[in-house]
Structure formats: C-alpha cells, structure tokens
Amino acid sequence: MKLLLVEDDNHVAAALSAVLARHGFDVTHARNGEEALRALVPEGAGFGVVLLDLGLPDQDGYEVCGKIRKRANIPVIMVTARSDVRSRIHGLNLGADDYVVKPYDTGELLARIHAVSRRIPHVDDTGATETVLRLGQMQIELPTRRVSVDGSVVQLTRKEFDLLALLAQRPGVVFRREQIISEVWQTSWEGTGRTLEVHIASLRSKLRMPALIETVRGVGYRLVAPVA
C-alpha cells in the first residue's frame, strides 16, 4: 500500500518510514503541507492512507486535512501531540478518519492504518475504484465474489475468497499473519494460524498456481502477480 507520511521532523519520519517499510508499505515523505498536497495530484495519486502531523511549518495540519478531503477520498490519520478532546473533535469534524496522540505504540498505529484502509473501497494508481482485479490469467470480481483462471471459474469457500481478495488487492505487499487473521477471521486468536496455513495451501491447489502466494518466513504472506 502506498502511504503518504506528512511530518516535518526528518528524524521522526526516517524512523517511522523504516518501520512502515518493514511492514510492506511504500512510504512517501512530505515535509510540509505544500509537499503533501502536491503529492496527492492527480486524484490522490494512488495513496491508500495519509499520516498527517498537525504541527507543520508552512500551514496548520487542520487546514491541510480539509484540502485533502476536498481532493480525494483517502483515509487520513492525524498524528499529533495535541491530546485534548477539543482538538480531537475538531480534527474528526474536518474529515479525519482517526486521531493518534504522540507518543504512540507502533503496533497500535499499524492496526489503525489497516482499520481505516478497510473502510475505503480499493483504488488503483489513478484513483479509480476497482471492482475487478486482473492478475495474469486470473480475474477476481469483488462484487460477485467470482474467481476465474483462463476463463474457468474456480470454486472457493467464503474464507478462501476473502483471503485471496485481501492479498490480491496489494500484489507484492507482505501481509503479516496477525493482520490476515484479524481481517479475514476477525479474531486475534493464535490458534487460527494453522487454519490460515490450510487455506493458503488450498488456494495454491485450487488455483493451480503453487507460486502465486509466497511465504515470507517469520512474517506472513504476499501475492506474487502472475505473468499474463
């Protein structure tokens, strides 16, 4: 997922960018509001989430949030030291999807990023909403939950489809096991890990593409886009 980090402190931005990259995010760093707004042209420039610091050097973060909301339907998470309730309410009223107070736990921030990204329909790099994903000879129709390979329909269970759709919407991005279990099974129960492995094996078999889903040892899985 492409993520826009708007943060004027280079040291903070570098540290956070490194963490986000390890979790599969493609991070672009903007140091002020003007850089952030330019990065979002045209139509959001394909970003999936914006992390917006409020203490920017050129303009107030609240003002930047309002401009972002007018330009694109992108989830915005405000990240700031302003912890009072009035500031939070103001930010949410301006269109922010979430509000995280510094200092924050990185794990919680990642969870919040994934949570807000699930609320918005997937968009392609042009900003257009995608309802059909095409990966090589495989086609995934999200509204009808239909999967076909070389024109032949592949019968998947509900969880198998949810798992495939999750991975296929971000080809090449590594999804952590905990994230997959949380999003597909709506639980954090560790015992679901074995169920995940069984579903991955079943998908590889049913799609007849054993190399489609790559295991990233110690982390999770990612979908390797097949060649058309």
C-alpha atoms as a PDB file:
ATOM      1  CA  MET A   1       0.000   0.000   0.000  1.00  0.00           C
ATOM      2  CA  LYS A   2       1.249   3.487  -0.840  1.00  0.00           C
ATOM      3  CA  LEU A   3       1.301   5.684   2.250  1.00  0.00           C
ATOM      4  CA  LEU A   4       1.903   9.422   2.472  1.00  0.00           C
ATOM      5  CA  LEU A   5       3.699  10.473   5.656  1.00  0.00           C
ATOM      6  CA  VAL A   6       3.407  14.214   6.345  1.00  0.00           C
ATOM      7  CA  GLU A   7       5.972  15.000   9.043  1.00  0.00           C
ATOM      8  CA  ASP A   8       8.349  17.967   9.356  1.00  0.00           C
ATOM      9  CA  ASP A   9      10.796  16.206  11.722  1.00  0.00           C
ATOM     10  CA  ASN A  10      13.197  14.258   9.485  1.00  0.00           C
ATOM     11  CA  HIS A  11      14.431  12.020  12.310  1.00  0.00           C
ATOM     12  CA  VAL A  12      10.907  11.002  13.295  1.00  0.00           C
ATOM     13  CA  ALA A  13       9.971  10.498   9.651  1.00  0.00           C
ATOM     14  CA  ALA A  14      13.026   8.328   8.929  1.00  0.00           C
ATOM     15  CA  ALA A  15      12.399   6.069  11.923  1.00  0.00           C
ATOM     16  CA  LEU A  16       8.690   5.674  11.202  1.00  0.00           C
ATOM     17  CA  SER A  17       9.279   5.169   7.471  1.00  0.00           C
ATOM     18  CA  ALA A  18      11.673   2.307   8.232  1.00  0.00           C
ATOM     19  CA  VAL A  19       9.079   0.602  10.436  1.00  0.00           C
ATOM     20  CA  LEU A  20       6.318   1.059   7.879  1.00  0.00           C
ATOM     21  CA  ALA A  21       8.532  -0.257   5.060  1.00  0.00           C
ATOM     22  CA  ARG A  22       9.245  -3.416   7.064  1.00  0.00           C
ATOM     23  CA  HIS A  23       5.500  -3.979   7.185  1.00  0.00           C
ATOM     24  CA  GLY A  24       5.087  -3.698   3.433  1.00  0.00           C
ATOM     25  CA  PHE A  25       4.194  -0.026   2.992  1.00  0.00           C
ATOM     26  CA  ASP A  26       5.550   2.105   0.153  1.00  0.00           C
ATOM     27  CA  VAL A  27       6.179   5.363   2.039  1.00  0.00           C
ATOM     28  CA  THR A  28       6.450   8.841   0.538  1.00  0.00           C
ATOM     29  CA  HIS A  29       7.622  11.545   2.941  1.00  0.00           C
ATOM     30  CA  ALA A  30       6.300  15.099   2.679  1.00  0.00           C
ATOM     31  CA  ARG A  31       7.932  17.674   4.976  1.00  0.00           C
ATOM     32  CA  ASN A  32       5.167  20.270   4.856  1.00  0.00           C
ATOM     33  CA  GLY A  33       1.609  20.834   3.742  1.00  0.00           C
ATOM     34  CA  GLU A  34       2.504  22.080   0.272  1.00  0.00           C
ATOM     35  CA  GLU A  35       4.605  18.993  -0.484  1.00  0.00           C
ATOM     36  CA  ALA A  36       1.782  16.780   0.753  1.00  0.00           C
ATOM     37  CA  LEU A  37      -0.834  18.425  -1.435  1.00  0.00           C
ATOM     38  CA  ARG A  38       1.433  18.222  -4.498  1.00  0.00           C
ATOM     39  CA  ALA A  39       1.993  14.503  -3.872  1.00  0.00           C
ATOM     40  CA  LEU A  40      -1.768  13.927  -3.958  1.00  0.00           C
ATOM     41  CA  VAL A  41      -2.157  15.275  -7.505  1.00  0.00           C
ATOM     42  CA  PRO A  42      -3.897  13.965  -9.520  1.00  0.00           C
ATOM     43  CA  GLU A  43      -6.870  12.474  -7.641  1.00  0.00           C
ATOM     44  CA  GLY A  44      -4.923  11.225  -4.664  1.00  0.00           C
ATOM     45  CA  ALA A  45      -2.003   9.805  -6.726  1.00  0.00           C
ATOM     46  CA  GLY A  46      -2.817   6.253  -5.643  1.00  0.00           C
ATOM     47  CA  PHE A  47      -2.134   6.643  -1.918  1.00  0.00           C
ATOM     48  CA  GLY A  48      -4.065   4.346   0.396  1.00  0.00           C
ATOM     49  CA  VAL A  49      -3.588   6.289   3.651  1.00  0.00           C
ATOM     50  CA  VAL A  50      -2.229   9.675   4.786  1.00  0.00           C
ATOM     51  CA  LEU A  51      -0.482  10.038   8.156  1.00  0.00           C
ATOM     52  CA  LEU A  52      -0.748  13.745   8.882  1.00  0.00           C
ATOM     53  CA  ASP A  53       1.186  15.598  11.578  1.00  0.00           C
ATOM     54  CA  LEU A  54      -0.599  18.773  12.658  1.00  0.00           C
ATOM     55  CA  GLY A  55       2.460  20.876  13.567  1.00  0.00           C
ATOM     56  CA  LEU A  56       3.663  21.690  10.050  1.00  0.00           C
ATOM     57  CA  PRO A  57       5.972  24.648   9.275  1.00  0.00           C
ATOM     58  CA  ASP A  58       4.020  26.203   6.393  1.00  0.00           C
ATOM     59  CA  GLN A  59       0.357  25.718   7.305  1.00  0.00           C
ATOM     60  CA  ASP A  60      -1.764  24.190  10.016  1.00  0.00           C
ATOM     61  CA  GLY A  61      -2.397  20.460   9.697  1.00  0.00           C
ATOM     62  CA  TYR A  62      -6.129  21.002  10.145  1.00  0.00           C
ATOM     63  CA  GLU A  63      -6.117  23.192   7.036  1.00  0.00           C
ATOM     64  CA  VAL A  64      -4.183  20.538   5.110  1.00  0.00           C
ATOM     65  CA  CYS A  65      -6.687  17.874   6.161  1.00  0.00           C
ATOM     66  CA  GLY A  66      -9.560  19.977   4.860  1.00  0.00           C
ATOM     67  CA  LYS A  67      -7.822  20.412   1.490  1.00  0.00           C
ATOM     68  CA  ILE A  68      -7.055  16.691   1.253  1.00  0.00           C
ATOM     69  CA  ARG A  69     -10.675  15.811   1.956  1.00  0.00           C
ATOM     70  CA  LYS A  70     -11.822  18.092  -0.884  1.00  0.00           C
ATOM     71  CA  ARG A  71      -9.393  16.498  -3.345  1.00  0.00           C
ATOM     72  CA  ALA A  72      -9.618  12.765  -2.725  1.00  0.00           C
ATOM     73  CA  ASN A  73     -11.397  10.059  -0.742  1.00  0.00           C
ATOM     74  CA  ILE A  74      -8.263   8.932   1.107  1.00  0.00           C
ATOM     75  CA  PRO A  75      -8.222   7.865   4.763  1.00  0.00           C
ATOM     76  CA  VAL A  76      -6.433  10.486   6.873  1.00  0.00           C
ATOM     77  CA  ILE A  77      -4.986   9.695  10.284  1.00  0.00           C
ATOM     78  CA  MET A  78      -3.937  12.751  12.267  1.00  0.00           C
ATOM     79  CA  VAL A  79      -0.776  12.104  14.303  1.00  0.00           C
ATOM     80  CA  THR A  80      -0.093  14.823  16.852  1.00  0.00           C
ATOM     81  CA  ALA A  81       0.880  15.754  20.393  1.00  0.00           C
ATOM     82  CA  ARG A  82      -2.387  17.659  20.811  1.00  0.00           C
ATOM     83  CA  SER A  83      -4.230  15.350  23.176  1.00  0.00           C
ATOM     84  CA  ASP A  84      -7.164  17.469  24.344  1.00  0.00           C
ATOM     85  CA  VAL A  85     -10.667  16.346  23.436  1.00  0.00           C
ATOM     86  CA  ARG A  86     -11.483  19.620  21.678  1.00  0.00           C
ATOM     87  CA  SER A  87      -8.579  19.141  19.230  1.00  0.00           C
ATOM     88  CA  ARG A  88      -9.656  15.568  18.503  1.00  0.00           C
ATOM     89  CA  ILE A  89     -13.238  16.588  17.841  1.00  0.00           C
ATOM     90  CA  HIS A  90     -12.098  19.416  15.564  1.00  0.00           C
ATOM     91  CA  GLY A  91      -9.893  17.045  13.564  1.00  0.00           C
ATOM     92  CA  LEU A  92     -12.628  14.449  13.142  1.00  0.00           C
ATOM     93  CA  ASN A  93     -15.133  17.121  12.141  1.00  0.00           C
ATOM     94  CA  LEU A  94     -12.746  18.268   9.406  1.00  0.00           C
ATOM     95  CA  GLY A  95     -12.833  14.779   7.912  1.00  0.00           C
ATOM     96  CA  ALA A  96     -10.005  12.883   9.594  1.00  0.00           C
ATOM     97  CA  ASP A  97     -10.710   9.153   9.847  1.00  0.00           C
ATOM     98  CA  ASP A  98      -8.700   8.682  13.030  1.00  0.00           C
ATOM     99  CA  TYR A  99      -6.623  10.649  15.527  1.00  0.00           C
ATOM    100  CA  VAL A 100      -3.470   9.263  17.179  1.00  0.00           C
ATOM    101  CA  VAL A 101      -1.729  11.084  20.017  1.00  0.00           C
ATOM    102  CA  LYS A 102       2.065  11.114  20.385  1.00  0.00           C
ATOM    103  CA  PRO A 103       3.802   9.236  21.843  1.00  0.00           C
ATOM    104  CA  TYR A 104       2.041   6.196  20.416  1.00  0.00           C
ATOM    105  CA  ASP A 105       2.642   2.470  20.260  1.00  0.00           C
ATOM    106  CA  THR A 106       3.788   1.453  16.769  1.00  0.00           C
ATOM    107  CA  GLY A 107       1.674  -1.678  16.829  1.00  0.00           C
ATOM    108  CA  GLU A 108      -1.429   0.355  17.570  1.00  0.00           C
ATOM    109  CA  LEU A 109      -0.610   2.808  14.782  1.00  0.00           C
ATOM    110  CA  LEU A 110      -0.258  -0.068  12.300  1.00  0.00           C
ATOM    111  CA  ALA A 111      -3.573  -1.516  13.452  1.00  0.00           C
ATOM    112  CA  ARG A 112      -5.258   1.854  12.990  1.00  0.00           C
ATOM    113  CA  ILE A 113      -3.784   2.205   9.478  1.00  0.00           C
ATOM    114  CA  HIS A 114      -5.170  -1.178   8.460  1.00  0.00           C
ATOM    115  CA  ALA A 115      -8.512  -0.400  10.094  1.00  0.00           C
ATOM    116  CA  VAL A 116      -9.110   2.854   8.205  1.00  0.00           C
ATOM    117  CA  SER A 117      -7.896   1.383   4.905  1.00  0.00           C
ATOM    118  CA  ARG A 118     -10.579  -1.323   5.155  1.00  0.00           C
ATOM    119  CA  ARG A 119     -13.310   1.324   5.279  1.00  0.00           C
ATOM    120  CA  ILE A 120     -12.469   2.719   1.834  1.00  0.00           C
ATOM    121  CA  PRO A 121     -13.033   0.781  -1.432  1.00  0.00           C
ATOM    122  CA  HIS A 122      -9.769  -0.257  -3.055  1.00  0.00           C
ATOM    123  CA  VAL A 123      -8.475   2.215  -5.639  1.00  0.00           C
ATOM    124  CA  ASP A 124      -5.960   1.769  -8.423  1.00  0.00           C
ATOM    125  CA  ASP A 125      -2.988   4.057  -9.121  1.00  0.00           C
ATOM    126  CA  THR A 126      -5.209   6.524 -10.994  1.00  0.00           C
ATOM    127  CA  GLY A 127      -7.575   6.879  -8.058  1.00  0.00           C
ATOM    128  CA  ALA A 128     -10.396   4.891  -9.709  1.00  0.00           C
ATOM    129  CA  THR A 129     -12.305   2.363  -7.629  1.00  0.00           C
ATOM    130  CA  GLU A 130     -11.566  -1.199  -8.687  1.00  0.00           C
ATOM    131  CA  THR A 131     -14.250  -3.881  -8.630  1.00  0.00           C
ATOM    132  CA  VAL A 132     -12.427  -6.410 -10.832  1.00  0.00           C
ATOM    133  CA  LEU A 133      -8.811  -7.404 -10.194  1.00  0.00           C
ATOM    134  CA  ARG A 134      -6.858  -8.890 -13.110  1.00  0.00           C
ATOM    135  CA  LEU A 135      -3.611 -10.670 -12.337  1.00  0.00           C
ATOM    136  CA  GLY A 136      -2.193 -12.528 -15.299  1.00  0.00           C
ATOM    137  CA  GLN A 137      -4.799 -15.091 -16.348  1.00  0.00           C
ATOM    138  CA  MET A 138      -6.645 -14.770 -13.053  1.00  0.00           C
ATOM    139  CA  GLN A 139      -9.642 -12.484 -12.629  1.00  0.00           C
ATOM    140  CA  ILE A 140     -11.253 -11.645  -9.277  1.00  0.00           C
ATOM    141  CA  GLU A 141     -14.678  -9.994  -9.340  1.00  0.00           C
ATOM    142  CA  LEU A 142     -15.131  -8.384  -5.927  1.00  0.00           C
ATOM    143  CA  PRO A 143     -18.884  -7.576  -6.035  1.00  0.00           C
ATOM    144  CA  THR A 144     -19.909 -11.086  -7.160  1.00  0.00           C
ATOM    145  CA  ARG A 145     -17.075 -12.895  -5.321  1.00  0.00           C
ATOM    146  CA  ARG A 146     -16.238 -14.772  -8.523  1.00  0.00           C
ATOM    147  CA  VAL A 147     -12.747 -16.025  -9.395  1.00  0.00           C
ATOM    148  CA  SER A 148     -11.692 -17.395 -12.752  1.00  0.00           C
ATOM    149  CA  VAL A 149      -8.412 -18.615 -14.209  1.00  0.00           C
ATOM    150  CA  ASP A 150      -8.027 -18.808 -18.003  1.00  0.00           C
ATOM    151  CA  GLY A 151     -11.772 -18.208 -18.220  1.00  0.00           C
ATOM    152  CA  SER A 152     -12.693 -21.152 -15.975  1.00  0.00           C
ATOM    153  CA  VAL A 153     -14.490 -20.411 -12.724  1.00  0.00           C
ATOM    154  CA  VAL A 154     -12.713 -21.602  -9.578  1.00  0.00           C
ATOM    155  CA  GLN A 155     -14.984 -22.549  -6.677  1.00  0.00           C
ATOM    156  CA  LEU A 156     -13.690 -21.055  -3.440  1.00  0.00           C
ATOM    157  CA  THR A 157     -15.086 -21.048   0.070  1.00  0.00           C
ATOM    158  CA  ARG A 158     -16.012 -17.714   1.631  1.00  0.00           C
ATOM    159  CA  LYS A 159     -12.814 -17.505   3.669  1.00  0.00           C
ATOM    160  CA  GLU A 160     -10.670 -18.610   0.729  1.00  0.00           C
ATOM    161  CA  PHE A 161     -12.115 -15.784  -1.368  1.00  0.00           C
ATOM    162  CA  ASP A 162     -11.656 -13.230   1.430  1.00  0.00           C
ATOM    163  CA  LEU A 163      -8.042 -14.313   1.849  1.00  0.00           C
ATOM    164  CA  LEU A 164      -7.293 -14.184  -1.874  1.00  0.00           C
ATOM    165  CA  ALA A 165      -9.003 -10.810  -2.317  1.00  0.00           C
ATOM    166  CA  LEU A 166      -7.039  -9.331   0.582  1.00  0.00           C
ATOM    167  CA  LEU A 167      -3.680 -10.400  -0.857  1.00  0.00           C
ATOM    168  CA  ALA A 168      -4.626  -9.606  -4.467  1.00  0.00           C
ATOM    169  CA  GLN A 169      -5.560  -6.005  -3.740  1.00  0.00           C
ATOM    170  CA  ARG A 170      -1.911  -5.314  -2.806  1.00  0.00           C
ATOM    171  CA  PRO A 171       0.273  -7.551  -5.022  1.00  0.00           C
ATOM    172  CA  GLY A 172       3.833  -7.735  -3.725  1.00  0.00           C
ATOM    173  CA  VAL A 173       2.934  -6.323  -0.295  1.00  0.00           C
ATOM    174  CA  VAL A 174       3.771  -8.565   2.659  1.00  0.00           C
ATOM    175  CA  PHE A 175       0.783  -9.139   4.925  1.00  0.00           C
ATOM    176  CA  ARG A 176       1.643 -10.172   8.462  1.00  0.00           C
ATOM    177  CA  ARG A 177      -0.020 -13.340   9.747  1.00  0.00           C
ATOM    178  CA  GLU A 178      -1.688 -11.400  12.571  1.00  0.00           C
ATOM    179  CA  GLN A 179      -3.061  -8.861  10.091  1.00  0.00           C
ATOM    180  CA  ILE A 180      -4.507 -11.559   7.810  1.00  0.00           C
ATOM    181  CA  ILE A 181      -6.114 -13.390  10.717  1.00  0.00           C
ATOM    182  CA  SER A 182      -7.555 -10.133  12.034  1.00  0.00           C
ATOM    183  CA  GLU A 183      -9.019  -9.059   8.689  1.00  0.00           C
ATOM    184  CA  VAL A 184     -10.240 -12.424   7.347  1.00  0.00           C
ATOM    185  CA  TRP A 185     -11.251 -14.212  10.545  1.00  0.00           C
ATOM    186  CA  GLN A 186     -11.987 -11.106  12.654  1.00  0.00           C
ATOM    187  CA  THR A 187     -10.048 -12.526  15.585  1.00  0.00           C
ATOM    188  CA  SER A 188      -6.630 -12.373  17.212  1.00  0.00           C
ATOM    189  CA  TRP A 189      -6.736 -15.997  18.423  1.00  0.00           C
ATOM    190  CA  GLU A 190      -3.325 -17.583  17.844  1.00  0.00           C
ATOM    191  CA  GLY A 191      -4.888 -20.966  17.140  1.00  0.00           C
ATOM    192  CA  THR A 192      -6.200 -19.599  13.838  1.00  0.00           C
ATOM    193  CA  GLY A 193      -2.633 -19.693  12.481  1.00  0.00           C
ATOM    194  CA  ARG A 194      -2.946 -23.338  11.472  1.00  0.00           C
ATOM    195  CA  THR A 195      -6.266 -22.578   9.764  1.00  0.00           C
ATOM    196  CA  LEU A 196      -4.524 -19.843   7.774  1.00  0.00           C
ATOM    197  CA  GLU A 197      -1.872 -22.276   6.569  1.00  0.00           C
ATOM    198  CA  VAL A 198      -4.551 -24.739   5.458  1.00  0.00           C
ATOM    199  CA  HIS A 199      -6.382 -22.037   3.491  1.00  0.00           C
ATOM    200  CA  ILE A 200      -3.167 -20.883   1.810  1.00  0.00           C
ATOM    201  CA  ALA A 201      -2.423 -24.461   0.741  1.00  0.00           C
ATOM    202  CA  SER A 202      -5.982 -24.871  -0.531  1.00  0.00           C
ATOM    203  CA  LEU A 203      -5.783 -21.692  -2.621  1.00  0.00           C
ATOM    204  CA  ARG A 204      -2.497 -22.758  -4.199  1.00  0.00           C
ATOM    205  CA  SER A 205      -4.051 -26.087  -5.111  1.00  0.00           C
ATOM    206  CA  LYS A 206      -7.427 -24.854  -6.395  1.00  0.00           C
ATOM    207  CA  LEU A 207      -5.910 -22.056  -8.481  1.00  0.00           C
ATOM    208  CA  ARG A 208      -3.192 -24.434  -9.758  1.00  0.00           C
ATOM    209  CA  MET A 209      -0.643 -21.727  -9.061  1.00  0.00           C
ATOM    210  CA  PRO A 210       1.671 -23.015  -6.338  1.00  0.00           C
ATOM    211  CA  ALA A 211       3.962 -19.985  -6.646  1.00  0.00           C
ATOM    212  CA  LEU A 212       1.115 -17.438  -6.542  1.00  0.00           C
ATOM    213  CA  ILE A 213       1.236 -16.930  -2.778  1.00  0.00           C
ATOM    214  CA  GLU A 214       4.732 -16.639  -1.350  1.00  0.00           C
ATOM    215  CA  THR A 215       5.530 -17.439   2.258  1.00  0.00           C
ATOM    216  CA  VAL A 216       7.712 -14.780   3.876  1.00  0.00           C
ATOM    217  CA  ARG A 217       9.347 -16.706   6.677  1.00  0.00           C
ATOM    218  CA  GLY A 218       8.686 -15.315  10.118  1.00  0.00           C
ATOM    219  CA  VAL A 219       6.400 -12.576   8.798  1.00  0.00           C
ATOM    220  CA  GLY A 220       3.466 -13.717   6.664  1.00  0.00           C
ATOM    221  CA  TYR A 221       2.459 -13.988   3.020  1.00  0.00           C
ATOM    222  CA  ARG A 222       2.358 -11.973  -0.166  1.00  0.00           C
ATOM    223  CA  LEU A 223       0.821 -12.495  -3.566  1.00  0.00           C
ATOM    224  CA  VAL A 224       3.250 -12.645  -6.470  1.00  0.00           C
ATOM    225  CA  ALA A 225       1.447 -11.247  -9.510  1.00  0.00           C
ATOM    226  CA  PRO A 226       1.464 -13.908 -12.267  1.00  0.00           C
ATOM    227  CA  VAL A 227       2.725 -13.045 -15.726  1.00  0.00           C
ATOM    228  CA  ALA A 228      -0.091 -12.523 -18.246  1.00  0.00           C
END
